[in-house]
Amino acid sequence: MADKYDSNGDYNSSDFKRKENEESNPSSQKAAEYVRELLSEKISLDQGKWPNAARLIDQEVSRVQNTGKAPTRDTKYVDIYREKPMKVSVKVLVPVREHPKFNFVGKLLGPKGNSMKRLQEETMCKMAVLGRGSMKDRQKEEELRNSLDPKYAHLSDDLHVEISALGPPAEAHARIAFALAEVRKYLIPDNNDNIRQEQMREMEIISTVDPPPRVPMRTATRAPVVTPRVMPAKTKIMSILDRARVAMEESYGYEDPYES
């Protein structure tokens, strides 16, 4: 997806989409072929007569997209004794139906995509803006939606932010909790809140400051590598949850736009 929004609150869709699976990966090839079969079956299905079947196909497509694997024996348990890393993924609905004229995508990504980059760094989660309306070129989006390519199956979904974290079970869920609280701030349809004002200031800086001159690489002696101190698991999780709690207090401090 080469479509790009400019720096005026718009976005570069190539930066915040799922990374394409390598064609040489047999597991990815199996998953892609399985999703292609599911989408083909959905198109041939009379969805008016079999709405539950269509819904189940959508759920299965979403599950394979999240895991990147064709169905095998389901993992029914979370291994917290050995702290086995797990992937936790959630899809956050963007309220475009309630506020169709507000540019949520632009607010989420910010100038040059910097807002979402910071969100990912701060929350230690991966994020992607996906779904219907996530591309600027609507004609191309429609073409890709009808292509049956598994990479673009998400274009049939409602506009959403996919958030995922990989880590020990408690930590992965804590990261997701933190990310949810932070992302909610960007789903407030306000063009004059602190986030938008900061983005406007950032756009002014980007448009007025010339890029710094390139500094030639130096081949001097490398600096010693400092090994970061490993934080105990409990301390790390509590630290993340404390930050999530602060983010929730800030987020829910806004007047709820859905209450009237």
C-alpha atoms as a PDB file:
ATOM      1  CA  MET A   1       0.000   0.000   0.000  1.00  0.00           C
ATOM      2  CA  ALA A   2       1.759   3.055  -1.227  1.00  0.00           C
ATOM      3  CA  ASP A   3      -0.925   5.604  -0.367  1.00  0.00           C
ATOM      4  CA  LYS A   4       0.308   8.413   1.817  1.00  0.00           C
ATOM      5  CA  TYR A   5      -1.461  11.175   3.655  1.00  0.00           C
ATOM      6  CA  ASP A   6       0.526  14.365   3.871  1.00  0.00           C
ATOM      7  CA  SER A   7       1.776  15.888   7.105  1.00  0.00           C
ATOM      8  CA  ASN A   8      -1.486  17.775   7.662  1.00  0.00           C
ATOM      9  CA  GLY A   9      -2.838  15.265  10.098  1.00  0.00           C
ATOM     10  CA  ASP A  10      -2.822  12.503   7.535  1.00  0.00           C
ATOM     11  CA  TYR A  11      -0.929   9.326   7.243  1.00  0.00           C
ATOM     12  CA  ASN A  12       1.474   7.033   5.481  1.00  0.00           C
ATOM     13  CA  SER A  13      -0.344   3.735   5.280  1.00  0.00           C
ATOM     14  CA  SER A  14       2.783   1.778   4.426  1.00  0.00           C
ATOM     15  CA  ASP A  15       4.223   2.451   7.886  1.00  0.00           C
ATOM     16  CA  PHE A  16       1.342   1.110   9.939  1.00  0.00           C
ATOM     17  CA  LYS A  17       0.072  -1.969   8.160  1.00  0.00           C
ATOM     18  CA  ARG A  18       0.836  -5.537   8.980  1.00  0.00           C
ATOM     19  CA  LYS A  19       4.223  -6.595   7.717  1.00  0.00           C
ATOM     20  CA  GLU A  20       3.915  -8.828   4.698  1.00  0.00           C
ATOM     21  CA  ASN A  21       4.786 -12.435   5.389  1.00  0.00           C
ATOM     22  CA  GLU A  22       7.833 -13.733   3.639  1.00  0.00           C
ATOM     23  CA  GLU A  23       6.891 -15.872   0.672  1.00  0.00           C
ATOM     24  CA  SER A  24       9.553 -18.370   1.642  1.00  0.00           C
ATOM     25  CA  ASN A  25       7.834 -19.158   4.938  1.00  0.00           C
ATOM     26  CA  PRO A  26       5.820 -22.391   4.494  1.00  0.00           C
ATOM     27  CA  SER A  27       3.651 -21.629   7.521  1.00  0.00           C
ATOM     28  CA  SER A  28       2.733 -18.213   6.092  1.00  0.00           C
ATOM     29  CA  GLN A  29       1.966 -19.750   2.718  1.00  0.00           C
ATOM     30  CA  LYS A  30      -0.413 -22.250   4.318  1.00  0.00           C
ATOM     31  CA  ALA A  31      -2.118 -19.492   6.290  1.00  0.00           C
ATOM     32  CA  ALA A  32      -2.498 -17.317   3.184  1.00  0.00           C
ATOM     33  CA  GLU A  33      -3.970 -20.171   1.167  1.00  0.00           C
ATOM     34  CA  TYR A  34      -6.380 -21.015   4.008  1.00  0.00           C
ATOM     35  CA  VAL A  35      -7.578 -17.400   4.253  1.00  0.00           C
ATOM     36  CA  ARG A  36      -7.992 -17.267   0.482  1.00  0.00           C
ATOM     37  CA  GLU A  37     -10.221 -20.343   0.647  1.00  0.00           C
ATOM     38  CA  LEU A  38     -12.276 -18.821   3.456  1.00  0.00           C
ATOM     39  CA  LEU A  39     -12.827 -15.578   1.545  1.00  0.00           C
ATOM     40  CA  SER A  40     -13.788 -17.476  -1.572  1.00  0.00           C
ATOM     41  CA  GLU A  41     -16.341 -19.475   0.399  1.00  0.00           C
ATOM     42  CA  LYS A  42     -17.739 -16.312   1.958  1.00  0.00           C
ATOM     43  CA  ILE A  43     -18.280 -14.713  -1.457  1.00  0.00           C
ATOM     44  CA  SER A  44     -20.122 -17.775  -2.740  1.00  0.00           C
ATOM     45  CA  LEU A  45     -22.234 -17.945   0.414  1.00  0.00           C
ATOM     46  CA  ASP A  46     -25.767 -16.567   0.536  1.00  0.00           C
ATOM     47  CA  GLN A  47     -25.091 -14.318   3.534  1.00  0.00           C
ATOM     48  CA  GLY A  48     -28.737 -13.335   3.815  1.00  0.00           C
ATOM     49  CA  LYS A  49     -29.671 -16.968   4.273  1.00  0.00           C
ATOM     50  CA  TRP A  50     -26.597 -18.016   6.291  1.00  0.00           C
ATOM     51  CA  PRO A  51     -25.568 -14.968   8.378  1.00  0.00           C
ATOM     52  CA  ASN A  52     -24.064 -17.064  11.167  1.00  0.00           C
ATOM     53  CA  ALA A  53     -21.855 -18.947   8.724  1.00  0.00           C
ATOM     54  CA  ALA A  54     -20.573 -15.653   7.306  1.00  0.00           C
ATOM     55  CA  ARG A  55     -19.879 -14.386  10.814  1.00  0.00           C
ATOM     56  CA  LEU A  56     -17.932 -17.537  11.687  1.00  0.00           C
ATOM     57  CA  ILE A  57     -15.854 -17.205   8.528  1.00  0.00           C
ATOM     58  CA  ASP A  58     -15.011 -13.591   9.462  1.00  0.00           C
ATOM     59  CA  GLN A  59     -13.943 -14.722  12.921  1.00  0.00           C
ATOM     60  CA  GLU A  60     -11.741 -17.463  11.493  1.00  0.00           C
ATOM     61  CA  VAL A  61     -10.102 -15.065   9.015  1.00  0.00           C
ATOM     62  CA  SER A  62      -9.386 -12.650  11.853  1.00  0.00           C
ATOM     63  CA  ARG A  63      -7.922 -15.414  14.003  1.00  0.00           C
ATOM     64  CA  VAL A  64      -5.568 -16.600  11.259  1.00  0.00           C
ATOM     65  CA  GLN A  65      -4.493 -13.033  10.535  1.00  0.00           C
ATOM     66  CA  ASN A  66      -3.651 -12.496  14.190  1.00  0.00           C
ATOM     67  CA  THR A  67      -1.689 -15.717  14.585  1.00  0.00           C
ATOM     68  CA  GLY A  68      -0.255 -15.949  11.087  1.00  0.00           C
ATOM     69  CA  LYS A  69      -0.894 -19.706  11.133  1.00  0.00           C
ATOM     70  CA  ALA A  70      -3.420 -22.078   9.634  1.00  0.00           C
ATOM     71  CA  PRO A  71      -5.525 -23.944  12.221  1.00  0.00           C
ATOM     72  CA  THR A  72      -3.792 -26.575  14.296  1.00  0.00           C
ATOM     73  CA  ARG A  73      -4.437 -27.902  17.789  1.00  0.00           C
ATOM     74  CA  ASP A  74      -5.782 -24.951  19.775  1.00  0.00           C
ATOM     75  CA  THR A  75      -3.803 -23.701  22.748  1.00  0.00           C
ATOM     76  CA  LYS A  76      -6.265 -23.763  25.620  1.00  0.00           C
ATOM     77  CA  TYR A  77      -3.983 -22.733  28.442  1.00  0.00           C
ATOM     78  CA  VAL A  78      -1.768 -19.843  29.500  1.00  0.00           C
ATOM     79  CA  ASP A  79       1.543 -21.076  30.908  1.00  0.00           C
ATOM     80  CA  ILE A  80       2.335 -18.658  33.754  1.00  0.00           C
ATOM     81  CA  TYR A  81       4.473 -21.156  35.651  1.00  0.00           C
ATOM     82  CA  ARG A  82       7.162 -21.109  32.984  1.00  0.00           C
ATOM     83  CA  GLU A  83       6.223 -17.591  31.852  1.00  0.00           C
ATOM     84  CA  LYS A  84       5.885 -18.841  28.292  1.00  0.00           C
ATOM     85  CA  PRO A  85       5.574 -15.800  25.973  1.00  0.00           C
ATOM     86  CA  MET A  86       2.207 -15.352  24.315  1.00  0.00           C
ATOM     87  CA  LYS A  87       0.710 -12.936  21.824  1.00  0.00           C
ATOM     88  CA  VAL A  88      -2.284 -10.882  22.896  1.00  0.00           C
ATOM     89  CA  SER A  89      -4.209  -8.981  20.222  1.00  0.00           C
ATOM     90  CA  VAL A  90      -7.239  -6.714  20.378  1.00  0.00           C
ATOM     91  CA  LYS A  91      -9.127  -4.702  17.796  1.00  0.00           C
ATOM     92  CA  VAL A  92     -10.248  -1.245  18.889  1.00  0.00           C
ATOM     93  CA  LEU A  93     -13.237   0.097  16.992  1.00  0.00           C
ATOM     94  CA  VAL A  94     -12.862   3.648  15.664  1.00  0.00           C
ATOM     95  CA  PRO A  95     -16.159   5.561  16.159  1.00  0.00           C
ATOM     96  CA  VAL A  96     -16.525   6.734  12.552  1.00  0.00           C
ATOM     97  CA  ARG A  97     -20.234   5.926  12.480  1.00  0.00           C
ATOM     98  CA  GLU A  98     -20.909   8.311  15.353  1.00  0.00           C
ATOM     99  CA  HIS A  99     -18.535  10.963  13.951  1.00  0.00           C
ATOM    100  CA  PRO A 100     -18.213  10.364  10.175  1.00  0.00           C
ATOM    101  CA  LYS A 101     -16.602  13.737   9.420  1.00  0.00           C
ATOM    102  CA  PHE A 102     -13.791  13.553  11.961  1.00  0.00           C
ATOM    103  CA  ASN A 103     -10.330  12.508  10.750  1.00  0.00           C
ATOM    104  CA  PHE A 104      -9.546   9.829  13.322  1.00  0.00           C
ATOM    105  CA  VAL A 105      -6.829   8.260  11.178  1.00  0.00           C
ATOM    106  CA  GLY A 106      -4.965  11.539  10.960  1.00  0.00           C
ATOM    107  CA  LYS A 107      -5.174  12.057  14.710  1.00  0.00           C
ATOM    108  CA  LEU A 108      -4.029   8.528  15.472  1.00  0.00           C
ATOM    109  CA  LEU A 109      -1.004   8.716  13.200  1.00  0.00           C
ATOM    110  CA  GLY A 110      -0.065  12.381  13.479  1.00  0.00           C
ATOM    111  CA  PRO A 111       2.468  14.258  11.319  1.00  0.00           C
ATOM    112  CA  LYS A 112       4.685  11.809   9.440  1.00  0.00           C
ATOM    113  CA  GLY A 113       3.172   9.024  11.543  1.00  0.00           C
ATOM    114  CA  ASN A 114       5.046  10.251  14.617  1.00  0.00           C
ATOM    115  CA  SER A 115       2.105  10.034  17.034  1.00  0.00           C
ATOM    116  CA  MET A 116       1.569   6.330  16.462  1.00  0.00           C
ATOM    117  CA  LYS A 117       5.298   5.666  16.519  1.00  0.00           C
ATOM    118  CA  ARG A 118       5.455   7.227  19.979  1.00  0.00           C
ATOM    119  CA  LEU A 119       2.389   5.285  21.093  1.00  0.00           C
ATOM    120  CA  GLN A 120       4.047   2.030  20.101  1.00  0.00           C
ATOM    121  CA  GLU A 121       7.298   2.936  21.849  1.00  0.00           C
ATOM    122  CA  GLU A 122       5.597   4.053  25.056  1.00  0.00           C
ATOM    123  CA  THR A 123       3.177   1.129  25.340  1.00  0.00           C
ATOM    124  CA  MET A 124       5.584  -1.534  23.991  1.00  0.00           C
ATOM    125  CA  CYS A 125       2.839  -2.736  21.643  1.00  0.00           C
ATOM    126  CA  LYS A 126       2.533  -3.015  17.894  1.00  0.00           C
ATOM    127  CA  MET A 127      -0.299  -1.028  16.338  1.00  0.00           C
ATOM    128  CA  ALA A 128      -1.861  -0.844  12.893  1.00  0.00           C
ATOM    129  CA  VAL A 129      -4.749   1.191  11.490  1.00  0.00           C
ATOM    130  CA  LEU A 130      -6.827  -1.288   9.508  1.00  0.00           C
ATOM    131  CA  GLY A 131     -10.263  -1.744   8.022  1.00  0.00           C
ATOM    132  CA  ARG A 132     -12.585   0.126   5.711  1.00  0.00           C
ATOM    133  CA  GLY A 133     -11.375   3.700   5.221  1.00  0.00           C
ATOM    134  CA  SER A 134      -7.791   3.048   6.322  1.00  0.00           C
ATOM    135  CA  MET A 135      -6.472   3.923   2.853  1.00  0.00           C
ATOM    136  CA  LYS A 136      -6.637   7.399   1.335  1.00  0.00           C
ATOM    137  CA  ASP A 137      -7.217   6.076  -2.173  1.00  0.00           C
ATOM    138  CA  ARG A 138     -10.736   4.671  -1.823  1.00  0.00           C
ATOM    139  CA  GLN A 139     -10.798   3.278  -5.355  1.00  0.00           C
ATOM    140  CA  LYS A 140      -7.630   1.301  -4.771  1.00  0.00           C
ATOM    141  CA  GLU A 141      -8.983   0.172  -1.408  1.00  0.00           C
ATOM    142  CA  GLU A 142     -12.076  -1.211  -3.124  1.00  0.00           C
ATOM    143  CA  GLU A 143      -9.931  -3.044  -5.672  1.00  0.00           C
ATOM    144  CA  LEU A 144      -7.794  -4.607  -2.957  1.00  0.00           C
ATOM    145  CA  ARG A 145     -10.870  -5.538  -0.927  1.00  0.00           C
ATOM    146  CA  ASN A 146     -12.193  -7.542  -3.880  1.00  0.00           C
ATOM    147  CA  SER A 147      -8.830  -9.121  -4.727  1.00  0.00           C
ATOM    148  CA  LEU A 148      -9.198 -12.018  -2.224  1.00  0.00           C
ATOM    149  CA  ASP A 149      -5.591 -11.372  -1.202  1.00  0.00           C
ATOM    150  CA  PRO A 150      -5.323 -12.388   2.482  1.00  0.00           C
ATOM    151  CA  LYS A 151      -3.140  -9.356   3.226  1.00  0.00           C
ATOM    152  CA  TYR A 152      -6.104  -7.087   2.489  1.00  0.00           C
ATOM    153  CA  ALA A 153      -8.915  -9.111   4.065  1.00  0.00           C
ATOM    154  CA  HIS A 154      -9.006  -6.539   6.888  1.00  0.00           C
ATOM    155  CA  LEU A 155     -10.417  -3.972   4.421  1.00  0.00           C
ATOM    156  CA  SER A 156     -13.804  -5.668   4.770  1.00  0.00           C
ATOM    157  CA  ASP A 157     -13.842  -4.931   8.513  1.00  0.00           C
ATOM    158  CA  ASP A 158     -14.924  -1.733  10.222  1.00  0.00           C
ATOM    159  CA  LEU A 159     -12.180   0.849  10.689  1.00  0.00           C
ATOM    160  CA  HIS A 160     -10.161  -0.165  13.733  1.00  0.00           C
ATOM    161  CA  VAL A 161      -6.787  -0.099  15.447  1.00  0.00           C
ATOM    162  CA  GLU A 162      -5.200  -3.492  15.917  1.00  0.00           C
ATOM    163  CA  ILE A 163      -3.019  -3.630  19.036  1.00  0.00           C
ATOM    164  CA  SER A 164      -0.791  -6.594  19.831  1.00  0.00           C
ATOM    165  CA  ALA A 165       1.813  -7.425  22.451  1.00  0.00           C
ATOM    166  CA  LEU A 166       4.176 -10.366  22.775  1.00  0.00           C
ATOM    167  CA  GLY A 167       5.611 -11.304  26.143  1.00  0.00           C
ATOM    168  CA  PRO A 168       5.058 -13.262  29.334  1.00  0.00           C
ATOM    169  CA  PRO A 169       1.294 -13.552  29.942  1.00  0.00           C
ATOM    170  CA  ALA A 170       0.874 -10.975  32.712  1.00  0.00           C
ATOM    171  CA  GLU A 171       3.185  -8.477  31.043  1.00  0.00           C
ATOM    172  CA  ALA A 172       1.538  -8.867  27.619  1.00  0.00           C
ATOM    173  CA  HIS A 173      -1.901  -8.176  29.093  1.00  0.00           C
ATOM    174  CA  ALA A 174      -0.543  -5.222  31.090  1.00  0.00           C
ATOM    175  CA  ARG A 175       0.899  -3.708  27.916  1.00  0.00           C
ATOM    176  CA  ILE A 176      -2.461  -4.101  26.176  1.00  0.00           C
ATOM    177  CA  ALA A 177      -4.221  -2.404  29.106  1.00  0.00           C
ATOM    178  CA  PHE A 178      -1.790   0.507  28.901  1.00  0.00           C
ATOM    179  CA  ALA A 179      -2.208   0.763  25.116  1.00  0.00           C
ATOM    180  CA  LEU A 180      -6.018   0.769  25.349  1.00  0.00           C
ATOM    181  CA  ALA A 181      -5.978   3.635  27.817  1.00  0.00           C
ATOM    182  CA  GLU A 182      -3.577   5.641  25.645  1.00  0.00           C
ATOM    183  CA  VAL A 183      -5.353   4.991  22.343  1.00  0.00           C
ATOM    184  CA  ARG A 184      -8.695   6.112  23.778  1.00  0.00           C
ATOM    185  CA  LYS A 185      -7.311   9.657  24.031  1.00  0.00           C
ATOM    186  CA  TYR A 186      -6.919   9.686  20.251  1.00  0.00           C
ATOM    187  CA  LEU A 187     -10.516   8.573  19.679  1.00  0.00           C
ATOM    188  CA  ILE A 188     -11.986  11.724  21.224  1.00  0.00           C
ATOM    189  CA  PRO A 189     -13.425  13.728  18.268  1.00  0.00           C
ATOM    190  CA  ASP A 190     -11.896  17.050  19.338  1.00  0.00           C
ATOM    191  CA  ASN A 191      -9.812  19.110  16.906  1.00  0.00           C
ATOM    192  CA  ASN A 192      -8.574  21.444  19.616  1.00  0.00           C
ATOM    193  CA  ASP A 193      -7.502  19.175  22.464  1.00  0.00           C
ATOM    194  CA  ASN A 194      -3.948  18.858  23.752  1.00  0.00           C
ATOM    195  CA  ILE A 195      -3.093  16.072  21.320  1.00  0.00           C
ATOM    196  CA  ARG A 196      -4.215  18.045  18.276  1.00  0.00           C
ATOM    197  CA  GLN A 197      -2.501  21.220  19.455  1.00  0.00           C
ATOM    198  CA  GLU A 198       0.755  19.332  19.938  1.00  0.00           C
ATOM    199  CA  GLN A 199       0.416  17.822  16.475  1.00  0.00           C
ATOM    200  CA  MET A 200      -0.125  21.270  14.974  1.00  0.00           C
ATOM    201  CA  ARG A 201       3.021  22.580  16.658  1.00  0.00           C
ATOM    202  CA  GLU A 202       4.915  19.555  15.380  1.00  0.00           C
ATOM    203  CA  MET A 203       3.686  20.183  11.829  1.00  0.00           C
ATOM    204  CA  GLU A 204       4.887  23.784  12.028  1.00  0.00           C
ATOM    205  CA  ILE A 205       8.335  22.624  13.109  1.00  0.00           C
ATOM    206  CA  ILE A 206       8.464  20.024  10.338  1.00  0.00           C
ATOM    207  CA  SER A 207       7.451  22.570   7.690  1.00  0.00           C
ATOM    208  CA  THR A 208       9.854  25.321   8.794  1.00  0.00           C
ATOM    209  CA  VAL A 209      12.999  23.515   9.890  1.00  0.00           C
ATOM    210  CA  ASP A 210      15.357  22.376   7.156  1.00  0.00           C
ATOM    211  CA  PRO A 211      16.705  18.842   7.529  1.00  0.00           C
ATOM    212  CA  PRO A 212      20.076  18.801   9.346  1.00  0.00           C
ATOM    213  CA  PRO A 213      23.180  18.249   7.193  1.00  0.00           C
ATOM    214  CA  ARG A 214      24.331  14.680   6.966  1.00  0.00           C
ATOM    215  CA  VAL A 215      27.247  13.881   9.226  1.00  0.00           C
ATOM    216  CA  PRO A 216      29.808  11.491   7.716  1.00  0.00           C
ATOM    217  CA  MET A 217      30.165   8.202   9.563  1.00  0.00           C
ATOM    218  CA  ARG A 218      33.072   8.015  11.926  1.00  0.00           C
ATOM    219  CA  THR A 219      35.181   4.905  12.184  1.00  0.00           C
ATOM    220  CA  ALA A 220      36.573   5.640  15.591  1.00  0.00           C
ATOM    221  CA  THR A 221      36.693   3.149  18.448  1.00  0.00           C
ATOM    222  CA  ARG A 222      33.255   1.864  19.316  1.00  0.00           C
ATOM    223  CA  ALA A 223      31.783   2.942  22.624  1.00  0.00           C
ATOM    224  CA  PRO A 224      31.320   0.173  25.177  1.00  0.00           C
ATOM    225  CA  VAL A 225      27.894  -1.419  25.211  1.00  0.00           C
ATOM    226  CA  VAL A 226      26.013  -0.795  28.433  1.00  0.00           C
ATOM    227  CA  THR A 227      23.870  -3.730  29.454  1.00  0.00           C
ATOM    228  CA  PRO A 228      20.534  -2.467  30.844  1.00  0.00           C
ATOM    229  CA  ARG A 229      19.536  -3.622  34.281  1.00  0.00           C
ATOM    230  CA  VAL A 230      16.925  -6.368  34.092  1.00  0.00           C
ATOM    231  CA  MET A 231      13.794  -5.344  35.951  1.00  0.00           C
ATOM    232  CA  PRO A 232      12.076  -8.065  38.018  1.00  0.00           C
ATOM    233  CA  ALA A 233       8.903  -9.319  36.369  1.00  0.00           C
ATOM    234  CA  LYS A 234       6.578  -8.136  39.138  1.00  0.00           C
ATOM    235  CA  THR A 235       8.157  -4.680  39.260  1.00  0.00           C
ATOM    236  CA  LYS A 236       7.934  -4.328  35.492  1.00  0.00           C
ATOM    237  CA  ILE A 237       4.283  -5.354  35.359  1.00  0.00           C
ATOM    238  CA  MET A 238       3.311  -3.038  38.210  1.00  0.00           C
ATOM    239  CA  SER A 239       5.174  -0.199  36.520  1.00  0.00           C
ATOM    240  CA  ILE A 240       3.227  -0.751  33.296  1.00  0.00           C
ATOM    241  CA  LEU A 241      -0.084  -0.984  35.159  1.00  0.00           C
ATOM    242  CA  ASP A 242       0.691   2.220  37.077  1.00  0.00           C
ATOM    243  CA  ARG A 243       1.245   4.009  33.760  1.00  0.00           C
ATOM    244  CA  ALA A 244      -1.979   2.499  32.429  1.00  0.00           C
ATOM    245  CA  ARG A 245      -3.852   3.776  35.481  1.00  0.00           C
ATOM    246  CA  VAL A 246      -2.519   7.308  34.935  1.00  0.00           C
ATOM    247  CA  ALA A 247      -3.438   7.143  31.247  1.00  0.00           C
ATOM    248  CA  MET A 248      -6.980   6.045  32.132  1.00  0.00           C
ATOM    249  CA  GLU A 249      -7.372   8.928  34.551  1.00  0.00           C
ATOM    250  CA  GLU A 250      -6.247  11.346  31.850  1.00  0.00           C
ATOM    251  CA  SER A 251      -8.376   9.738  29.148  1.00  0.00           C
ATOM    252  CA  TYR A 252     -11.593   9.496  31.131  1.00  0.00           C
ATOM    253  CA  GLY A 253     -11.115  13.027  32.363  1.00  0.00           C
ATOM    254  CA  TYR A 254     -12.534  14.186  29.039  1.00  0.00           C
ATOM    255  CA  GLU A 255     -16.242  14.900  28.804  1.00  0.00           C
ATOM    256  CA  ASP A 256     -17.752  11.774  27.302  1.00  0.00           C
ATOM    257  CA  PRO A 257     -18.943  12.771  23.794  1.00  0.00           C
ATOM    258  CA  TYR A 258     -21.423   9.885  23.707  1.00  0.00           C
ATOM    259  CA  GLU A 259     -23.409  11.102  26.687  1.00  0.00           C
ATOM    260  CA  SER A 260     -26.125  13.565  25.913  1.00  0.00           C
END
